[in-house]
Amino acid sequence: MFLHLGNDVYISEKDIIMIGNLDTATVSRYTKSYLEKCEKAHLIETVCTDIPKTFVVSRKKDKDKVYLTNISSGTLVKRSENSMLI
């Protein structure tokens, strides 16, 4: 199944490693450091025009990619759980 992140961007749920809230996750120095490294490596894609609320980390063929979206992390998790019921 695929998870809709906004603005016609969909990613395979099997590639998702983490869905995190940007407000709370960046409190951790490890998460903050990881996101900074991804930004420097140009591995972040913003899929919204508003201020992002959530980041989604995916891994495909040992390559990480981080998506920033304005859809809440709770909503994305519910969408993912609902698709597993199908």
PDB file of N, CA and C in Angstrom:
ATOM      1  N   MET A   1       0.836  -1.179   0.000  1.00  0.00           N
ATOM      2  CA  MET A   1       0.000   0.000   0.000  1.00  0.00           C
ATOM      3  C   MET A   1       0.890   1.254   0.000  1.00  0.00           C
ATOM      4  N   PHE A   2       0.254   2.350  -0.335  1.00  0.00           N
ATOM      5  CA  PHE A   2       0.962   3.624  -0.399  1.00  0.00           C
ATOM      6  C   PHE A   2       0.346   4.606   0.576  1.00  0.00           C
ATOM      7  N   LEU A   3       1.173   5.498   1.092  1.00  0.00           N
ATOM      8  CA  LEU A   3       0.731   6.525   2.023  1.00  0.00           C
ATOM      9  C   LEU A   3       0.804   7.878   1.335  1.00  0.00           C
ATOM     10  N   HIS A   4      -0.306   8.609   1.355  1.00  0.00           N
ATOM     11  CA  HIS A   4      -0.370   9.931   0.739  1.00  0.00           C
ATOM     12  C   HIS A   4       0.198  10.963   1.715  1.00  0.00           C
ATOM     13  N   LEU A   5       1.226  11.695   1.283  1.00  0.00           N
ATOM     14  CA  LEU A   5       1.881  12.690   2.129  1.00  0.00           C
ATOM     15  C   LEU A   5       1.441  14.113   1.825  1.00  0.00           C
ATOM     16  N   GLY A   6       0.660  14.294   0.767  1.00  0.00           N
ATOM     17  CA  GLY A   6       0.224  15.626   0.360  1.00  0.00           C
ATOM     18  C   GLY A   6       0.779  15.981  -0.998  1.00  0.00           C
ATOM     19  N   ASN A   7       0.101  16.923  -1.669  1.00  0.00           N
ATOM     20  CA  ASN A   7       0.541  17.416  -2.988  1.00  0.00           C
ATOM     21  C   ASN A   7       0.891  16.297  -3.963  1.00  0.00           C
ATOM     22  N   ASP A   8       0.040  15.302  -4.036  1.00  0.00           N
ATOM     23  CA  ASP A   8       0.212  14.181  -4.974  1.00  0.00           C
ATOM     24  C   ASP A   8       1.502  13.391  -4.769  1.00  0.00           C
ATOM     25  N   VAL A   9       2.006  13.369  -3.551  1.00  0.00           N
ATOM     26  CA  VAL A   9       3.196  12.570  -3.231  1.00  0.00           C
ATOM     27  C   VAL A   9       2.748  11.360  -2.418  1.00  0.00           C
ATOM     28  N   TYR A  10       3.081  10.179  -2.918  1.00  0.00           N
ATOM     29  CA  TYR A  10       2.758   8.919  -2.272  1.00  0.00           C
ATOM     30  C   TYR A  10       4.054   8.126  -2.116  1.00  0.00           C
ATOM     31  N   ILE A  11       4.188   7.441  -0.984  1.00  0.00           N
ATOM     32  CA  ILE A  11       5.342   6.559  -0.803  1.00  0.00           C
ATOM     33  C   ILE A  11       4.851   5.193  -0.339  1.00  0.00           C
ATOM     34  N   SER A  12       5.621   4.198  -0.661  1.00  0.00           N
ATOM     35  CA  SER A  12       5.282   2.840  -0.264  1.00  0.00           C
ATOM     36  C   SER A  12       5.406   2.704   1.254  1.00  0.00           C
ATOM     37  N   GLU A  13       4.379   2.146   1.873  1.00  0.00           N
ATOM     38  CA  GLU A  13       4.410   1.976   3.324  1.00  0.00           C
ATOM     39  C   GLU A  13       5.522   1.037   3.779  1.00  0.00           C
ATOM     40  N   LYS A  14       5.903   0.099   2.934  1.00  0.00           N
ATOM     41  CA  LYS A  14       6.973  -0.835   3.333  1.00  0.00           C
ATOM     42  C   LYS A  14       8.329  -0.143   3.428  1.00  0.00           C
ATOM     43  N   ASP A  15       8.463   1.050   2.822  1.00  0.00           N
ATOM     44  CA  ASP A  15       9.724   1.788   2.870  1.00  0.00           C
ATOM     45  C   ASP A  15       9.806   2.761   4.050  1.00  0.00           C
ATOM     46  N   ILE A  16       8.705   2.940   4.773  1.00  0.00           N
ATOM     47  CA  ILE A  16       8.675   3.911   5.874  1.00  0.00           C
ATOM     48  C   ILE A  16       9.398   3.359   7.089  1.00  0.00           C
ATOM     49  N   ILE A  17      10.318   4.162   7.611  1.00  0.00           N
ATOM     50  CA  ILE A  17      11.057   3.815   8.820  1.00  0.00           C
ATOM     51  C   ILE A  17      10.469   4.537  10.022  1.00  0.00           C
ATOM     52  N   MET A  18      10.073   5.800   9.818  1.00  0.00           N
ATOM     53  CA  MET A  18       9.620   6.613  10.937  1.00  0.00           C
ATOM     54  C   MET A  18       8.687   7.713  10.470  1.00  0.00           C
ATOM     55  N   ILE A  19       7.699   8.000  11.291  1.00  0.00           N
ATOM     56  CA  ILE A  19       6.851   9.174  11.129  1.00  0.00           C
ATOM     57  C   ILE A  19       7.004   9.961  12.423  1.00  0.00           C
ATOM     58  N   GLY A  20       7.447  11.211  12.306  1.00  0.00           N
ATOM     59  CA  GLY A  20       7.713  11.991  13.509  1.00  0.00           C
ATOM     60  C   GLY A  20       7.140  13.397  13.461  1.00  0.00           C
ATOM     61  N   ASN A  21       6.805  13.900  14.627  1.00  0.00           N
ATOM     62  CA  ASN A  21       6.323  15.260  14.787  1.00  0.00           C
ATOM     63  C   ASN A  21       7.534  16.187  14.864  1.00  0.00           C
ATOM     64  N   LEU A  22       7.588  17.188  14.013  1.00  0.00           N
ATOM     65  CA  LEU A  22       8.752  18.070  13.985  1.00  0.00           C
ATOM     66  C   LEU A  22       8.918  18.869  15.272  1.00  0.00           C
ATOM     67  N   ASP A  23       7.828  19.238  15.913  1.00  0.00           N
ATOM     68  CA  ASP A  23       7.930  20.024  17.152  1.00  0.00           C
ATOM     69  C   ASP A  23       8.571  19.243  18.282  1.00  0.00           C
ATOM     70  N   THR A  24       8.242  17.981  18.415  1.00  0.00           N
ATOM     71  CA  THR A  24       8.760  17.197  19.538  1.00  0.00           C
ATOM     72  C   THR A  24      10.030  16.419  19.196  1.00  0.00           C
ATOM     73  N   ALA A  25      10.167  15.996  17.958  1.00  0.00           N
ATOM     74  CA  ALA A  25      11.321  15.165  17.585  1.00  0.00           C
ATOM     75  C   ALA A  25      12.624  15.940  17.585  1.00  0.00           C
ATOM     76  N   THR A  26      12.558  17.220  17.267  1.00  0.00           N
ATOM     77  CA  THR A  26      13.800  17.988  17.203  1.00  0.00           C
ATOM     78  C   THR A  26      14.327  18.364  18.586  1.00  0.00           C
ATOM     79  N   VAL A  27      13.598  17.985  19.624  1.00  0.00           N
ATOM     80  CA  VAL A  27      14.101  18.167  20.985  1.00  0.00           C
ATOM     81  C   VAL A  27      15.264  17.210  21.232  1.00  0.00           C
ATOM     82  N   SER A  28      15.175  16.023  20.655  1.00  0.00           N
ATOM     83  CA  SER A  28      16.241  15.037  20.783  1.00  0.00           C
ATOM     84  C   SER A  28      17.437  15.468  19.930  1.00  0.00           C
ATOM     85  N   ARG A  29      18.596  15.495  20.530  1.00  0.00           N
ATOM     86  CA  ARG A  29      19.784  15.918  19.774  1.00  0.00           C
ATOM     87  C   ARG A  29      20.125  14.932  18.660  1.00  0.00           C
ATOM     88  N   TYR A  30      19.783  13.662  18.858  1.00  0.00           N
ATOM     89  CA  TYR A  30      20.080  12.653  17.840  1.00  0.00           C
ATOM     90  C   TYR A  30      19.194  12.846  16.604  1.00  0.00           C
ATOM     91  N   THR A  31      17.922  13.074  16.844  1.00  0.00           N
ATOM     92  CA  THR A  31      17.008  13.305  15.721  1.00  0.00           C
ATOM     93  C   THR A  31      17.356  14.603  15.019  1.00  0.00           C
ATOM     94  N   LYS A  32      17.638  15.626  15.794  1.00  0.00           N
ATOM     95  CA  LYS A  32      18.000  16.925  15.220  1.00  0.00           C
ATOM     96  C   LYS A  32      19.267  16.791  14.370  1.00  0.00           C
ATOM     97  N   SER A  33      20.248  16.073  14.876  1.00  0.00           N
ATOM     98  CA  SER A  33      21.497  15.853  14.145  1.00  0.00           C
ATOM     99  C   SER A  33      21.241  15.067  12.856  1.00  0.00           C
ATOM    100  N   TYR A  34      20.395  14.038  12.937  1.00  0.00           N
ATOM    101  CA  TYR A  34      20.071  13.236  11.762  1.00  0.00           C
ATOM    102  C   TYR A  34      19.423  14.103  10.687  1.00  0.00           C
ATOM    103  N   LEU A  35      18.441  14.914  11.078  1.00  0.00           N
ATOM    104  CA  LEU A  35      17.748  15.774  10.119  1.00  0.00           C
ATOM    105  C   LEU A  35      18.696  16.812   9.516  1.00  0.00           C
ATOM    106  N   GLU A  36      19.611  17.332  10.308  1.00  0.00           N
ATOM    107  CA  GLU A  36      20.601  18.284   9.785  1.00  0.00           C
ATOM    108  C   GLU A  36      21.509  17.620   8.753  1.00  0.00           C
ATOM    109  N   LYS A  37      21.943  16.390   9.028  1.00  0.00           N
ATOM    110  CA  LYS A  37      22.781  15.650   8.074  1.00  0.00           C
ATOM    111  C   LYS A  37      22.025  15.373   6.779  1.00  0.00           C
ATOM    112  N   CYS A  38      20.766  15.022   6.904  1.00  0.00           N
ATOM    113  CA  CYS A  38      19.940  14.776   5.713  1.00  0.00           C
ATOM    114  C   CYS A  38      19.774  16.056   4.899  1.00  0.00           C
ATOM    115  N   GLU A  39      19.618  17.168   5.577  1.00  0.00           N
ATOM    116  CA  GLU A  39      19.474  18.435   4.872  1.00  0.00           C
ATOM    117  C   GLU A  39      20.753  18.785   4.111  1.00  0.00           C
ATOM    118  N   LYS A  40      21.894  18.590   4.739  1.00  0.00           N
ATOM    119  CA  LYS A  40      23.173  18.877   4.081  1.00  0.00           C
ATOM    120  C   LYS A  40      23.410  17.951   2.882  1.00  0.00           C
ATOM    121  N   ALA A  41      22.890  16.732   2.970  1.00  0.00           N
ATOM    122  CA  ALA A  41      23.059  15.756   1.888  1.00  0.00           C
ATOM    123  C   ALA A  41      21.945  15.862   0.842  1.00  0.00           C
ATOM    124  N   HIS A  42      21.076  16.847   0.988  1.00  0.00           N
ATOM    125  CA  HIS A  42      19.971  17.076   0.041  1.00  0.00           C
ATOM    126  C   HIS A  42      19.037  15.872  -0.051  1.00  0.00           C
ATOM    127  N   LEU A  43      18.749  15.272   1.098  1.00  0.00           N
ATOM    128  CA  LEU A  43      17.877  14.107   1.153  1.00  0.00           C
ATOM    129  C   LEU A  43      16.479  14.456   1.657  1.00  0.00           C
ATOM    130  N   ILE A  44      16.193  15.753   1.801  1.00  0.00           N
ATOM    131  CA  ILE A  44      14.900  16.197   2.311  1.00  0.00           C
ATOM    132  C   ILE A  44      14.074  16.786   1.184  1.00  0.00           C
ATOM    133  N   GLU A  45      12.816  16.348   1.121  1.00  0.00           N
ATOM    134  CA  GLU A  45      11.879  16.881   0.140  1.00  0.00           C
ATOM    135  C   GLU A  45      10.663  17.432   0.887  1.00  0.00           C
ATOM    136  N   THR A  46      10.362  18.694   0.666  1.00  0.00           N
ATOM    137  CA  THR A  46       9.187  19.308   1.274  1.00  0.00           C
ATOM    138  C   THR A  46       8.006  19.135   0.331  1.00  0.00           C
ATOM    139  N   VAL A  47       6.931  18.546   0.837  1.00  0.00           N
ATOM    140  CA  VAL A  47       5.775  18.260  -0.005  1.00  0.00           C
ATOM    141  C   VAL A  47       4.568  19.114   0.380  1.00  0.00           C
ATOM    142  N   CYS A  48       4.841  20.299   0.926  1.00  0.00           N
ATOM    143  CA  CYS A  48       3.760  21.205   1.302  1.00  0.00           C
ATOM    144  C   CYS A  48       4.212  22.638   1.073  1.00  0.00           C
ATOM    145  N   THR A  49       3.233  23.529   1.030  1.00  0.00           N
ATOM    146  CA  THR A  49       3.558  24.946   0.879  1.00  0.00           C
ATOM    147  C   THR A  49       3.459  25.669   2.212  1.00  0.00           C
ATOM    148  N   ASP A  50       2.815  25.044   3.194  1.00  0.00           N
ATOM    149  CA  ASP A  50       2.699  25.618   4.538  1.00  0.00           C
ATOM    150  C   ASP A  50       3.890  25.190   5.385  1.00  0.00           C
ATOM    151  N   ILE A  51       3.872  25.611   6.625  1.00  0.00           N
ATOM    152  CA  ILE A  51       4.915  25.197   7.566  1.00  0.00           C
ATOM    153  C   ILE A  51       4.739  23.704   7.849  1.00  0.00           C
ATOM    154  N   PRO A  52       5.792  22.903   7.659  1.00  0.00           N
ATOM    155  CA  PRO A  52       5.660  21.458   7.889  1.00  0.00           C
ATOM    156  C   PRO A  52       5.473  21.132   9.366  1.00  0.00           C
ATOM    157  N   LYS A  53       4.663  20.103   9.619  1.00  0.00           N
ATOM    158  CA  LYS A  53       4.401  19.624  10.974  1.00  0.00           C
ATOM    159  C   LYS A  53       5.078  18.284  11.242  1.00  0.00           C
ATOM    160  N   THR A  54       5.299  17.539  10.163  1.00  0.00           N
ATOM    161  CA  THR A  54       5.693  16.136  10.293  1.00  0.00           C
ATOM    162  C   THR A  54       6.830  15.802   9.337  1.00  0.00           C
ATOM    163  N   PHE A  55       7.691  14.886   9.769  1.00  0.00           N
ATOM    164  CA  PHE A  55       8.682  14.335   8.851  1.00  0.00           C
ATOM    165  C   PHE A  55       8.474  12.836   8.752  1.00  0.00           C
ATOM    166  N   VAL A  56       8.703  12.319   7.552  1.00  0.00           N
ATOM    167  CA  VAL A  56       8.568  10.886   7.294  1.00  0.00           C
ATOM    168  C   VAL A  56       9.897  10.418   6.708  1.00  0.00           C
ATOM    169  N   VAL A  57      10.503   9.442   7.364  1.00  0.00           N
ATOM    170  CA  VAL A  57      11.773   8.893   6.893  1.00  0.00           C
ATOM    171  C   VAL A  57      11.478   7.591   6.157  1.00  0.00           C
ATOM    172  N   SER A  58      11.984   7.499   4.943  1.00  0.00           N
ATOM    173  CA  SER A  58      11.830   6.260   4.185  1.00  0.00           C
ATOM    174  C   SER A  58      13.207   5.766   3.756  1.00  0.00           C
ATOM    175  N   ARG A  59      13.286   4.477   3.543  1.00  0.00           N
ATOM    176  CA  ARG A  59      14.539   3.873   3.084  1.00  0.00           C
ATOM    177  C   ARG A  59      14.226   2.901   1.969  1.00  0.00           C
ATOM    178  N   LYS A  60      14.910   3.116   0.864  1.00  0.00           N
ATOM    179  CA  LYS A  60      14.759   2.222  -0.286  1.00  0.00           C
ATOM    180  C   LYS A  60      16.156   1.939  -0.827  1.00  0.00           C
ATOM    181  N   LYS A  61      16.486   0.683  -0.914  1.00  0.00           N
ATOM    182  CA  LYS A  61      17.810   0.269  -1.396  1.00  0.00           C
ATOM    183  C   LYS A  61      18.927   0.969  -0.627  1.00  0.00           C
ATOM    184  N   ASP A  62      18.828   0.942   0.706  1.00  0.00           N
ATOM    185  CA  ASP A  62      19.839   1.516   1.608  1.00  0.00           C
ATOM    186  C   ASP A  62      20.049   3.014   1.429  1.00  0.00           C
ATOM    187  N   LYS A  63      19.058   3.707   0.876  1.00  0.00           N
ATOM    188  CA  LYS A  63      19.158   5.160   0.735  1.00  0.00           C
ATOM    189  C   LYS A  63      17.970   5.804   1.437  1.00  0.00           C
ATOM    190  N   ASP A  64      18.277   6.677   2.390  1.00  0.00           N
ATOM    191  CA  ASP A  64      17.238   7.367   3.135  1.00  0.00           C
ATOM    192  C   ASP A  64      16.731   8.582   2.375  1.00  0.00           C
ATOM    193  N   LYS A  65      15.479   8.911   2.629  1.00  0.00           N
ATOM    194  CA  LYS A  65      14.887  10.135   2.125  1.00  0.00           C
ATOM    195  C   LYS A  65      13.914  10.621   3.180  1.00  0.00           C
ATOM    196  N   VAL A  66      13.910  11.925   3.420  1.00  0.00           N
ATOM    197  CA  VAL A  66      13.034  12.517   4.421  1.00  0.00           C
ATOM    198  C   VAL A  66      12.044  13.431   3.723  1.00  0.00           C
ATOM    199  N   TYR A  67      10.781  13.232   4.031  1.00  0.00           N
ATOM    200  CA  TYR A  67       9.716  14.067   3.481  1.00  0.00           C
ATOM    201  C   TYR A  67       9.170  14.948   4.591  1.00  0.00           C
ATOM    202  N   LEU A  68       8.975  16.229   4.303  1.00  0.00           N
ATOM    203  CA  LEU A  68       8.349  17.146   5.245  1.00  0.00           C
ATOM    204  C   LEU A  68       6.952  17.456   4.728  1.00  0.00           C
ATOM    205  N   THR A  69       5.965  17.333   5.597  1.00  0.00           N
ATOM    206  CA  THR A  69       4.582  17.551   5.204  1.00  0.00           C
ATOM    207  C   THR A  69       3.834  18.314   6.285  1.00  0.00           C
ATOM    208  N   ASN A  70       2.755  18.975   5.889  1.00  0.00           N
ATOM    209  CA  ASN A  70       1.946  19.693   6.871  1.00  0.00           C
ATOM    210  C   ASN A  70       0.815  18.831   7.419  1.00  0.00           C
ATOM    211  N   ILE A  71       0.734  17.578   6.999  1.00  0.00           N
ATOM    212  CA  ILE A  71      -0.249  16.637   7.547  1.00  0.00           C
ATOM    213  C   ILE A  71       0.293  16.137   8.884  1.00  0.00           C
ATOM    214  N   SER A  72      -0.559  16.126   9.902  1.00  0.00           N
ATOM    215  CA  SER A  72      -0.086  15.746  11.234  1.00  0.00           C
ATOM    216  C   SER A  72       0.388  14.295  11.266  1.00  0.00           C
ATOM    217  N   SER A  73       1.306  14.030  12.170  1.00  0.00           N
ATOM    218  CA  SER A  73       1.838  12.671  12.306  1.00  0.00           C
ATOM    219  C   SER A  73       0.738  11.702  12.714  1.00  0.00           C
ATOM    220  N   GLY A  74      -0.191  12.138  13.559  1.00  0.00           N
ATOM    221  CA  GLY A  74      -1.306  11.288  13.970  1.00  0.00           C
ATOM    222  C   GLY A  74      -2.173  10.871  12.798  1.00  0.00           C
ATOM    223  N   THR A  75      -2.444  11.813  11.904  1.00  0.00           N
ATOM    224  CA  THR A  75      -3.246  11.511  10.715  1.00  0.00           C
ATOM    225  C   THR A  75      -2.538  10.514   9.817  1.00  0.00           C
ATOM    226  N   LEU A  76      -1.234  10.700   9.624  1.00  0.00           N
ATOM    227  CA  LEU A  76      -0.483   9.774   8.766  1.00  0.00           C
ATOM    228  C   LEU A  76      -0.447   8.370   9.365  1.00  0.00           C
ATOM    229  N   VAL A  77      -0.280   8.285  10.681  1.00  0.00           N
ATOM    230  CA  VAL A  77      -0.265   6.980  11.335  1.00  0.00           C
ATOM    231  C   VAL A  77      -1.628   6.309  11.186  1.00  0.00           C
ATOM    232  N   LYS A  78      -2.716   7.075  11.366  1.00  0.00           N
ATOM    233  CA  LYS A  78      -4.060   6.495  11.194  1.00  0.00           C
ATOM    234  C   LYS A  78      -4.286   6.020   9.771  1.00  0.00           C
ATOM    235  N   ARG A  79      -3.830   6.791   8.787  1.00  0.00           N
ATOM    236  CA  ARG A  79      -3.974   6.378   7.388  1.00  0.00           C
ATOM    237  C   ARG A  79      -3.229   5.065   7.157  1.00  0.00           C
ATOM    238  N   SER A  80      -2.050   4.970   7.725  1.00  0.00           N
ATOM    239  CA  SER A  80      -1.239   3.768   7.562  1.00  0.00           C
ATOM    240  C   SER A  80      -1.916   2.562   8.231  1.00  0.00           C
ATOM    241  N   GLU A  81      -2.435   2.761   9.433  1.00  0.00           N
ATOM    242  CA  GLU A  81      -3.106   1.672  10.140  1.00  0.00           C
ATOM    243  C   GLU A  81      -4.357   1.232   9.394  1.00  0.00           C
ATOM    244  N   ASN A  82      -5.115   2.184   8.862  1.00  0.00           N
ATOM    245  CA  ASN A  82      -6.339   1.854   8.127  1.00  0.00           C
ATOM    246  C   ASN A  82      -6.036   1.054   6.875  1.00  0.00           C
ATOM    247  N   SER A  83      -4.942   1.356   6.201  1.00  0.00           N
ATOM    248  CA  SER A  83      -4.624   0.622   4.974  1.00  0.00           C
ATOM    249  C   SER A  83      -4.192  -0.810   5.289  1.00  0.00           C
ATOM    250  N   MET A  84      -3.689  -1.050   6.492  1.00  0.00           N
ATOM    251  CA  MET A  84      -3.292  -2.397   6.876  1.00  0.00           C
ATOM    252  C   MET A  84      -4.501  -3.296   7.123  1.00  0.00           C
ATOM    253  N   LEU A  85      -5.654  -2.683   7.370  1.00  0.00           N
ATOM    254  CA  LEU A  85      -6.861  -3.450   7.625  1.00  0.00           C
ATOM    255  C   LEU A  85      -7.496  -3.973   6.353  1.00  0.00           C
ATOM    256  N   ILE A  86      -7.110  -3.407   5.221  1.00  0.00           N
ATOM    257  CA  ILE A  86      -7.708  -3.788   3.929  1.00  0.00           C
ATOM    258  C   ILE A  86      -7.153  -5.119   3.463  1.00  0.00           C
TER     259      ILE A  86
END
